[in-house]
C-alpha atoms as a PDB file:
ATOM      1  CA  ALA A   1     -46.457 -25.357 -43.144  1.00  0.00           C
ATOM      2  CA  PRO A   2     -42.947 -26.917 -43.505  1.00  0.00           C
ATOM      3  CA  SER A   3     -41.111 -27.940 -40.420  1.00  0.00           C
ATOM      4  CA  PRO A   4     -37.959 -26.405 -40.096  1.00  0.00           C
ATOM      5  CA  VAL A   5     -34.972 -27.545 -41.692  1.00  0.00           C
ATOM      6  CA  ALA A   6     -31.958 -26.927 -38.646  1.00  0.00           C
ATOM      7  CA  THR A   7     -28.739 -25.055 -39.679  1.00  0.00           C
ATOM      8  CA  LEU A   8     -25.247 -26.113 -39.082  1.00  0.00           C
ATOM      9  CA  SER A   9     -23.855 -21.737 -39.335  1.00  0.00           C
ATOM     10  CA  THR A  10     -23.831 -21.468 -35.836  1.00  0.00           C
ATOM     11  CA  ILE A  11     -21.071 -24.111 -35.730  1.00  0.00           C
ATOM     12  CA  SER A  12     -17.511 -24.246 -36.652  1.00  0.00           C
ATOM     13  CA  PRO A  13     -16.498 -24.644 -40.381  1.00  0.00           C
ATOM     14  CA  SER A  14     -14.776 -27.643 -39.727  1.00  0.00           C
ATOM     15  CA  ILE A  15     -17.547 -29.582 -39.204  1.00  0.00           C
ATOM     16  CA  VAL A  16     -17.176 -30.782 -42.869  1.00  0.00           C
ATOM     17  CA  ASN A  17     -13.494 -31.245 -43.111  1.00  0.00           C
ATOM     18  CA  VAL A  18     -13.565 -33.404 -39.684  1.00  0.00           C
ATOM     19  CA  SER A  19     -16.038 -35.820 -40.817  1.00  0.00           C
ATOM     20  CA  ARG A  20     -14.010 -36.738 -43.900  1.00  0.00           C
ATOM     21  CA  GLU A  21     -13.299 -40.156 -43.889  1.00  0.00           C
ATOM     22  CA  GLN A  22      -9.974 -41.992 -42.502  1.00  0.00           C
ATOM     23  CA  PRO A  23      -9.608 -45.420 -44.057  1.00  0.00           C
ATOM     24  CA  LEU A  24      -6.769 -46.280 -41.617  1.00  0.00           C
ATOM     25  CA  THR A  25      -9.221 -46.124 -38.530  1.00  0.00           C
ATOM     26  CA  GLU A  26     -11.823 -49.117 -37.597  1.00  0.00           C
ATOM     27  CA  PRO A  27     -15.256 -47.000 -37.977  1.00  0.00           C
ATOM     28  CA  THR A  28     -16.611 -45.926 -34.983  1.00  0.00           C
ATOM     29  CA  LEU A  29     -20.554 -45.818 -34.605  1.00  0.00           C
ATOM     30  CA  ALA A  30     -20.455 -42.151 -35.489  1.00  0.00           C
ATOM     31  CA  ASP A  31     -19.056 -43.090 -38.680  1.00  0.00           C
ATOM     32  CA  ILE A  32     -21.385 -46.079 -39.299  1.00  0.00           C
ATOM     33  CA  CYS A  33     -24.156 -43.637 -38.353  1.00  0.00           C
ATOM     34  CA  LEU A  34     -23.043 -40.926 -40.689  1.00  0.00           C
ATOM     35  CA  GLU A  35     -22.387 -42.940 -43.278  1.00  0.00           C
ATOM     36  CA  ARG A  36     -26.175 -44.744 -43.111  1.00  0.00           C
ATOM     37  CA  ALA A  37     -27.552 -40.763 -42.965  1.00  0.00           C
ATOM     38  CA  GLU A  38     -25.247 -40.245 -46.225  1.00  0.00           C
ATOM     39  CA  GLU A  39     -26.595 -43.222 -47.829  1.00  0.00           C
ATOM     40  CA  GLN A  40     -30.614 -42.425 -47.079  1.00  0.00           C
ATOM     41  CA  LEU A  41     -30.200 -38.755 -48.510  1.00  0.00           C
ATOM     42  CA  LEU A  42     -28.642 -40.311 -51.922  1.00  0.00           C
ATOM     43  CA  ILE A  43     -31.152 -43.049 -51.792  1.00  0.00           C
ATOM     44  CA  LEU A  44     -34.217 -40.260 -51.569  1.00  0.00           C
ATOM     45  CA  LEU A  45     -32.242 -38.215 -54.384  1.00  0.00           C
ATOM     46  CA  LEU A  46     -32.043 -41.393 -56.816  1.00  0.00           C
ATOM     47  CA  LYS A  47     -35.757 -42.254 -56.109  1.00  0.00           C
ATOM     48  CA  GLN A  48     -37.374 -38.908 -55.905  1.00  0.00           C
ATOM     49  CA  GLY A  49     -35.138 -36.217 -56.820  1.00  0.00           C
ATOM     50  CA  MET A  50     -37.328 -35.053 -59.474  1.00  0.00           C
ATOM     51  CA  TYR A  51     -40.335 -34.870 -57.908  1.00  0.00           C
ATOM     52  CA  ASP A  52     -41.784 -31.290 -55.980  1.00  0.00           C
ATOM     53  CA  ILE A  53     -42.047 -30.328 -52.269  1.00  0.00           C
ATOM     54  CA  TYR A  54     -42.474 -26.395 -51.452  1.00  0.00           C
ATOM     55  CA  GLU A  55     -40.182 -23.958 -49.594  1.00  0.00           C
ATOM     56  CA  SER A  56     -41.058 -20.958 -47.882  1.00  0.00           C
ATOM     57  CA  ARG A  57     -39.706 -18.275 -50.174  1.00  0.00           C
ATOM     58  CA  VAL A  58     -40.644 -14.236 -49.539  1.00  0.00           C
ATOM     59  CA  VAL A  59     -42.496 -13.105 -52.320  1.00  0.00           C
ATOM     60  CA  GLU A  60     -43.038  -9.480 -53.781  1.00  0.00           C
ATOM     61  CA  GLN A  61     -46.455  -8.364 -54.636  1.00  0.00           C
ATOM     62  CA  VAL A  62     -45.975  -5.902 -57.151  1.00  0.00           C
ATOM     63  CA  SER A  63     -50.156  -5.432 -57.517  1.00  0.00           C
ATOM     64  CA  THR A  64     -50.328  -3.763 -54.378  1.00  0.00           C
ATOM     65  CA  MET A  65     -49.422  -0.002 -53.787  1.00  0.00           C
ATOM     66  CA  PRO A  66     -46.694   0.423 -52.614  1.00  0.00           C
ATOM     67  CA  ALA A  67     -45.016  -2.919 -53.836  1.00  0.00           C
ATOM     68  CA  ARG A  68     -44.926  -5.558 -50.162  1.00  0.00           C
ATOM     69  CA  GLU A  69     -43.206  -8.543 -49.410  1.00  0.00           C
ATOM     70  CA  THR A  70     -44.784 -11.663 -48.559  1.00  0.00           C
ATOM     71  CA  LEU A  71     -44.100 -15.314 -47.270  1.00  0.00           C
ATOM     72  CA  GLY A  72     -45.447 -17.975 -49.434  1.00  0.00           C
ATOM     73  CA  LEU A  73     -44.973 -21.366 -50.465  1.00  0.00           C
ATOM     74  CA  MET A  74     -43.007 -21.829 -53.305  1.00  0.00           C
ATOM     75  CA  PRO A  75     -42.813 -25.146 -55.270  1.00  0.00           C
ATOM     76  CA  VAL A  76     -38.865 -26.665 -55.676  1.00  0.00           C
ATOM     77  CA  ARG A  77     -37.502 -29.894 -56.763  1.00  0.00           C
ATOM     78  CA  VAL A  78     -36.266 -32.243 -53.756  1.00  0.00           C
ATOM     79  CA  ASP A  79     -32.684 -32.481 -55.283  1.00  0.00           C
ATOM     80  CA  GLN A  80     -32.531 -28.641 -56.019  1.00  0.00           C
ATOM     81  CA  TYR A  81     -33.937 -28.338 -52.106  1.00  0.00           C
ATOM     82  CA  VAL A  82     -31.575 -30.418 -51.177  1.00  0.00           C
ATOM     83  CA  ALA A  83     -28.270 -29.109 -52.704  1.00  0.00           C
ATOM     84  CA  ASN A  84     -29.055 -25.984 -51.567  1.00  0.00           C
ATOM     85  CA  GLU A  85     -29.444 -27.258 -48.102  1.00  0.00           C
ATOM     86  CA  LEU A  86     -25.851 -28.599 -48.204  1.00  0.00           C
ATOM     87  CA  LEU A  87     -24.340 -25.936 -49.745  1.00  0.00           C
ATOM     88  CA  ASP A  88     -25.933 -23.687 -47.286  1.00  0.00           C
ATOM     89  CA  ASN A  89     -24.610 -24.983 -44.310  1.00  0.00           C
ATOM     90  CA  ASP A  90     -21.291 -26.172 -46.239  1.00  0.00           C
ATOM     91  CA  ILE A  91     -21.841 -30.027 -46.009  1.00  0.00           C
ATOM     92  CA  GLN A  92     -20.220 -32.012 -47.753  1.00  0.00           C
ATOM     93  CA  PHE A  93     -20.346 -36.137 -47.556  1.00  0.00           C
ATOM     94  CA  SER A  94     -18.079 -37.707 -45.445  1.00  0.00           C
ATOM     95  CA  LYS A  95     -17.272 -40.878 -48.126  1.00  0.00           C
ATOM     96  CA  SER A  96     -16.067 -40.318 -51.337  1.00  0.00           C
ATOM     97  CA  ILE A  97     -17.991 -42.626 -53.080  1.00  0.00           C
ATOM     98  CA  HIS A  98     -20.956 -40.705 -51.628  1.00  0.00           C
ATOM     99  CA  GLU A  99     -19.687 -37.451 -52.386  1.00  0.00           C
ATOM    100  CA  GLN A 100     -18.722 -38.943 -56.477  1.00  0.00           C
ATOM    101  CA  ILE A 101     -22.737 -40.038 -56.798  1.00  0.00           C
ATOM    102  CA  PHE A 102     -23.947 -36.743 -55.355  1.00  0.00           C
ATOM    103  CA  GLU A 103     -21.817 -34.715 -57.919  1.00  0.00           C
ATOM    104  CA  GLU A 104     -22.767 -37.213 -60.559  1.00  0.00           C
ATOM    105  CA  TYR A 105     -26.226 -37.415 -59.842  1.00  0.00           C
ATOM    106  CA  CYS A 106     -26.120 -33.375 -59.919  1.00  0.00           C
ATOM    107  CA  GLN A 107     -24.858 -33.305 -63.554  1.00  0.00           C
ATOM    108  CA  VAL A 108     -27.211 -36.227 -64.522  1.00  0.00           C
ATOM    109  CA  ALA A 109     -30.215 -34.536 -63.051  1.00  0.00           C
ATOM    110  CA  ALA A 110     -29.992 -31.224 -64.885  1.00  0.00           C
ATOM    111  CA  THR A 111     -31.007 -32.792 -68.306  1.00  0.00           C
ATOM    112  CA  ALA A 112     -32.183 -36.187 -67.563  1.00  0.00           C
ATOM    113  CA  THR A 113     -36.336 -35.858 -67.943  1.00  0.00           C
ATOM    114  CA  ALA A 114     -37.396 -38.792 -65.690  1.00  0.00           C
ATOM    115  CA  PRO A 115     -36.054 -40.394 -62.167  1.00  0.00           C
ATOM    116  CA  GLU A 116     -35.837 -43.561 -64.622  1.00  0.00           C
ATOM    117  CA  LEU A 117     -33.282 -42.161 -66.206  1.00  0.00           C
ATOM    118  CA  ILE A 118     -31.035 -41.084 -63.865  1.00  0.00           C
ATOM    119  CA  GLN A 119     -31.345 -44.864 -62.222  1.00  0.00           C
ATOM    120  CA  ARG A 120     -30.416 -46.335 -65.051  1.00  0.00           C
ATOM    121  CA  HIS A 121     -27.805 -44.082 -65.063  1.00  0.00           C
ATOM    122  CA  PHE A 122     -26.259 -45.672 -61.890  1.00  0.00           C
ATOM    123  CA  THR A 123     -27.356 -48.961 -61.780  1.00  0.00           C
ATOM    124  CA  THR A 124     -25.718 -49.485 -65.518  1.00  0.00           C
ATOM    125  CA  HIS A 125     -22.135 -47.371 -64.596  1.00  0.00           C
ATOM    126  CA  GLU A 126     -18.807 -48.001 -65.503  1.00  0.00           C
ATOM    127  CA  GLN A 127     -17.431 -47.111 -62.157  1.00  0.00           C
ATOM    128  CA  LYS A 128     -18.367 -51.019 -59.986  1.00  0.00           C
ATOM    129  CA  ASP A 129     -19.042 -48.367 -56.742  1.00  0.00           C
ATOM    130  CA  MET A 130     -21.453 -46.751 -57.820  1.00  0.00           C
ATOM    131  CA  ARG A 131     -23.133 -49.253 -60.062  1.00  0.00           C
ATOM    132  CA  ASP A 132     -22.841 -51.241 -57.033  1.00  0.00           C
ATOM    133  CA  PHE A 133     -24.438 -48.263 -54.726  1.00  0.00           C
ATOM    134  CA  ALA A 134     -27.660 -48.104 -56.945  1.00  0.00           C
ATOM    135  CA  ILE A 135     -27.906 -52.020 -57.596  1.00  0.00           C
ATOM    136  CA  ARG A 136     -28.093 -52.602 -54.325  1.00  0.00           C
ATOM    137  CA  HIS A 137     -30.414 -49.653 -52.950  1.00  0.00           C
ATOM    138  CA  LEU A 138     -32.728 -50.091 -56.074  1.00  0.00           C
ATOM    139  CA  PHE A 139     -33.263 -53.126 -57.184  1.00  0.00           C
ATOM    140  CA  ASN A 140     -32.702 -55.593 -53.806  1.00  0.00           C
ATOM    141  CA  SER A 141     -34.551 -55.946 -51.089  1.00  0.00           C
ATOM    142  CA  ASP A 142     -33.515 -54.073 -47.872  1.00  0.00           C
ATOM    143  CA  PRO A 143     -35.319 -56.154 -45.075  1.00  0.00           C
ATOM    144  CA  GLU A 144     -34.784 -52.826 -42.433  1.00  0.00           C
ATOM    145  CA  TYR A 145     -35.678 -49.910 -44.491  1.00  0.00           C
ATOM    146  CA  SER A 146     -36.618 -50.532 -47.880  1.00  0.00           C
ATOM    147  CA  PRO A 147     -40.465 -51.961 -46.842  1.00  0.00           C
ATOM    148  CA  GLY A 148     -41.073 -48.402 -45.029  1.00  0.00           C
ATOM    149  CA  TRP A 149     -39.574 -46.830 -47.541  1.00  0.00           C
ATOM    150  CA  GLU A 150     -41.807 -47.987 -50.925  1.00  0.00           C
ATOM    151  CA  ILE A 151     -44.967 -47.571 -48.876  1.00  0.00           C
ATOM    152  CA  ARG A 152     -43.479 -43.508 -48.074  1.00  0.00           C
ATOM    153  CA  TYR A 153     -42.701 -42.890 -51.451  1.00  0.00           C
ATOM    154  CA  ASP A 154     -45.311 -44.758 -53.269  1.00  0.00           C
ATOM    155  CA  ILE A 155     -45.330 -42.947 -56.990  1.00  0.00           C
ATOM    156  CA  THR A 156     -48.963 -43.762 -57.471  1.00  0.00           C
ATOM    157  CA  ILE A 157     -50.238 -41.732 -55.099  1.00  0.00           C
ATOM    158  CA  ARG A 158     -47.178 -38.866 -55.443  1.00  0.00           C
ATOM    159  CA  THR A 159     -49.710 -35.966 -56.785  1.00  0.00           C
ATOM    160  CA  THR A 160     -52.440 -36.509 -53.605  1.00  0.00           C
ATOM    161  CA  LYS A 161     -52.167 -33.903 -51.237  1.00  0.00           C
ATOM    162  CA  GLU A 162     -51.264 -36.171 -48.400  1.00  0.00           C
ATOM    163  CA  HIS A 163     -48.228 -37.974 -50.381  1.00  0.00           C
ATOM    164  CA  VAL A 164     -46.948 -34.188 -51.057  1.00  0.00           C
ATOM    165  CA  THR A 165     -47.001 -33.560 -47.164  1.00  0.00           C
ATOM    166  CA  ASN A 166     -45.489 -36.412 -46.514  1.00  0.00           C
ATOM    167  CA  LEU A 167     -42.475 -36.604 -48.820  1.00  0.00           C
ATOM    168  CA  GLN A 168     -41.769 -32.937 -47.623  1.00  0.00           C
ATOM    169  CA  LYS A 169     -41.425 -33.981 -44.504  1.00  0.00           C
ATOM    170  CA  ASN A 170     -39.413 -37.474 -45.453  1.00  0.00           C
ATOM    171  CA  VAL A 171     -37.441 -34.530 -47.565  1.00  0.00           C
ATOM    172  CA  GLU A 172     -36.689 -32.569 -44.171  1.00  0.00           C
ATOM    173  CA  ASP A 173     -35.836 -35.527 -41.805  1.00  0.00           C
ATOM    174  CA  CYS A 174     -33.646 -36.642 -43.831  1.00  0.00           C
ATOM    175  CA  ILE A 175     -31.652 -33.586 -44.281  1.00  0.00           C
ATOM    176  CA  ASN A 176     -31.810 -33.201 -40.601  1.00  0.00           C
ATOM    177  CA  MET A 177     -30.559 -36.716 -39.742  1.00  0.00           C
ATOM    178  CA  LEU A 178     -27.333 -36.086 -41.412  1.00  0.00           C
ATOM    179  CA  LYS A 179     -26.907 -33.027 -39.748  1.00  0.00           C
ATOM    180  CA  LEU A 180     -27.421 -34.304 -36.520  1.00  0.00           C
ATOM    181  CA  ARG A 181     -24.845 -36.981 -37.874  1.00  0.00           C
ATOM    182  CA  LYS A 182     -22.545 -35.011 -38.743  1.00  0.00           C
ATOM    183  CA  MET A 183     -22.991 -33.032 -35.011  1.00  0.00           C
ATOM    184  CA  GLU A 184     -22.887 -36.516 -33.003  1.00  0.00           C
ATOM    185  CA  HIS A 185     -19.565 -36.899 -35.654  1.00  0.00           C
ATOM    186  CA  TYR A 186     -17.808 -34.178 -34.611  1.00  0.00           C
ATOM    187  CA  ARG A 187     -18.672 -34.204 -31.188  1.00  0.00           C
ATOM    188  CA  GLU A 188     -16.544 -37.608 -31.357  1.00  0.00           C
ATOM    189  CA  THR A 189     -13.925 -35.930 -32.709  1.00  0.00           C
ATOM    190  CA  LEU A 190     -13.552 -33.098 -30.564  1.00  0.00           C
ATOM    191  CA  GLN A 191     -13.545 -35.157 -27.146  1.00  0.00           C
ATOM    192  CA  LYS A 192     -10.869 -36.899 -28.553  1.00  0.00           C
ATOM    193  CA  GLU A 193      -9.068 -34.309 -28.983  1.00  0.00           C
ATOM    194  CA  LEU A 194      -9.894 -33.384 -25.529  1.00  0.00           C
ATOM    195  CA  GLU A 195      -7.826 -36.727 -24.635  1.00  0.00           C
ATOM    196  CA  GLN A 196      -4.475 -34.931 -26.093  1.00  0.00           C
ATOM    197  CA  GLU A 197      -2.317 -32.168 -24.403  1.00  0.00           C
ATOM    198  CA  HIS A 198      -3.733 -28.987 -25.705  1.00  0.00           C
ATOM    199  CA  PRO A 199      -2.885 -25.352 -23.717  1.00  0.00           C
ATOM    200  CA  ASP A 200      -5.261 -24.562 -21.433  1.00  0.00           C
ATOM    201  CA  GLU A 201      -6.730 -21.761 -23.857  1.00  0.00           C
ATOM    202  CA  VAL A 202      -7.445 -24.316 -26.117  1.00  0.00           C
ATOM    203  CA  MET A 203      -9.181 -27.108 -23.916  1.00  0.00           C
ATOM    204  CA  GLU A 204     -11.321 -23.911 -22.771  1.00  0.00           C
ATOM    205  CA  GLN A 205     -12.644 -23.589 -26.216  1.00  0.00           C
ATOM    206  CA  ILE A 206     -12.667 -27.219 -27.139  1.00  0.00           C
ATOM    207  CA  LEU A 207     -15.082 -27.457 -24.220  1.00  0.00           C
ATOM    208  CA  LYS A 208     -17.183 -24.755 -25.045  1.00  0.00           C
ATOM    209  CA  THR A 209     -17.407 -25.974 -28.522  1.00  0.00           C
ATOM    210  CA  ILE A 210     -18.569 -29.301 -27.053  1.00  0.00           C
ATOM    211  CA  SER A 211     -20.969 -27.322 -25.308  1.00  0.00           C
ATOM    212  CA  LEU A 212     -22.495 -25.636 -28.657  1.00  0.00           C
ATOM    213  CA  VAL A 213     -22.434 -28.989 -30.231  1.00  0.00           C
ATOM    214  CA  ASN A 214     -24.563 -30.373 -27.990  1.00  0.00           C
ATOM    215  CA  GLN A 215     -26.843 -27.915 -27.912  1.00  0.00           C
ATOM    216  CA  ARG A 216     -27.262 -28.409 -31.331  1.00  0.00           C
ATOM    217  CA  ARG A 217     -27.951 -32.014 -31.035  1.00  0.00           C
ATOM    218  CA  LYS A 218     -30.582 -31.316 -28.712  1.00  0.00           C
ATOM    219  CA  GLU A 219     -32.193 -28.709 -31.343  1.00  0.00           C
ATOM    220  CA  ILE A 220     -32.378 -30.721 -34.686  1.00  0.00           C
ATOM    221  CA  ALA A 221     -33.254 -34.005 -31.980  1.00  0.00           C
ATOM    222  CA  GLU A 222     -36.364 -31.762 -31.023  1.00  0.00           C
ATOM    223  CA  ILE A 223     -37.322 -31.018 -34.534  1.00  0.00           C
ATOM    224  CA  LEU A 224     -36.942 -34.645 -35.587  1.00  0.00           C
ATOM    225  CA  GLY A 225     -38.571 -36.107 -32.426  1.00  0.00           C
ATOM    226  CA  VAL A 226     -36.676 -38.429 -31.596  1.00  0.00           C
ATOM    227  CA  VAL A 227     -34.271 -38.977 -28.611  1.00  0.00           C
ATOM    228  CA  ILE A 228     -30.431 -38.611 -27.876  1.00  0.00           C
ATOM    229  CA  THR A 229     -28.691 -40.829 -25.469  1.00  0.00           C
ATOM    230  CA  ARG A 230     -25.370 -40.246 -24.903  1.00  0.00           C
END
């Protein structure tokens, strides 16, 4: 069965807006981690977006009298699954170039017949920052991430049950990691607000929101199987 994917629906909708890039300030650790999580999700789409995984859906059994609904696993493309998760949780990318790549990917992938065509579109893109992103992550060696990434997404075994299961987990991990980094970025923003002067009721609301964010961070970290230390 698919592993759970965290939801951010219980957090203030401002989680998206507070994460938009602020080029006039030095990037913090939370900024860097969030940027890396966004990059990983985009790399996943460029490499594996057209492949199928499975998601749980309610299926109506019309063969029974009376008809009844059951929970079943239905195939869905990786890029559609990711797009649904981002939409359902009201998540936008923090860097404008990442948002541009994602939006253009959705347009190109809607008519593309093979992943290679999508990759070629971006590696030959007329916009330099889009082209550089694709070339850097699709062609150039990344000593920290590429070897493991290539092993996990070896296309020669993509039809095997084991690989589909691994791809399923990696897609969910990418999404959950992005949500965790969003939580951490939001938490950092709230903590900065505590350093400012506010009425007591506003300070109380900020503290309550931080408590809620910490709870969600813990839940997402448990799903990912990672330890958060701060």
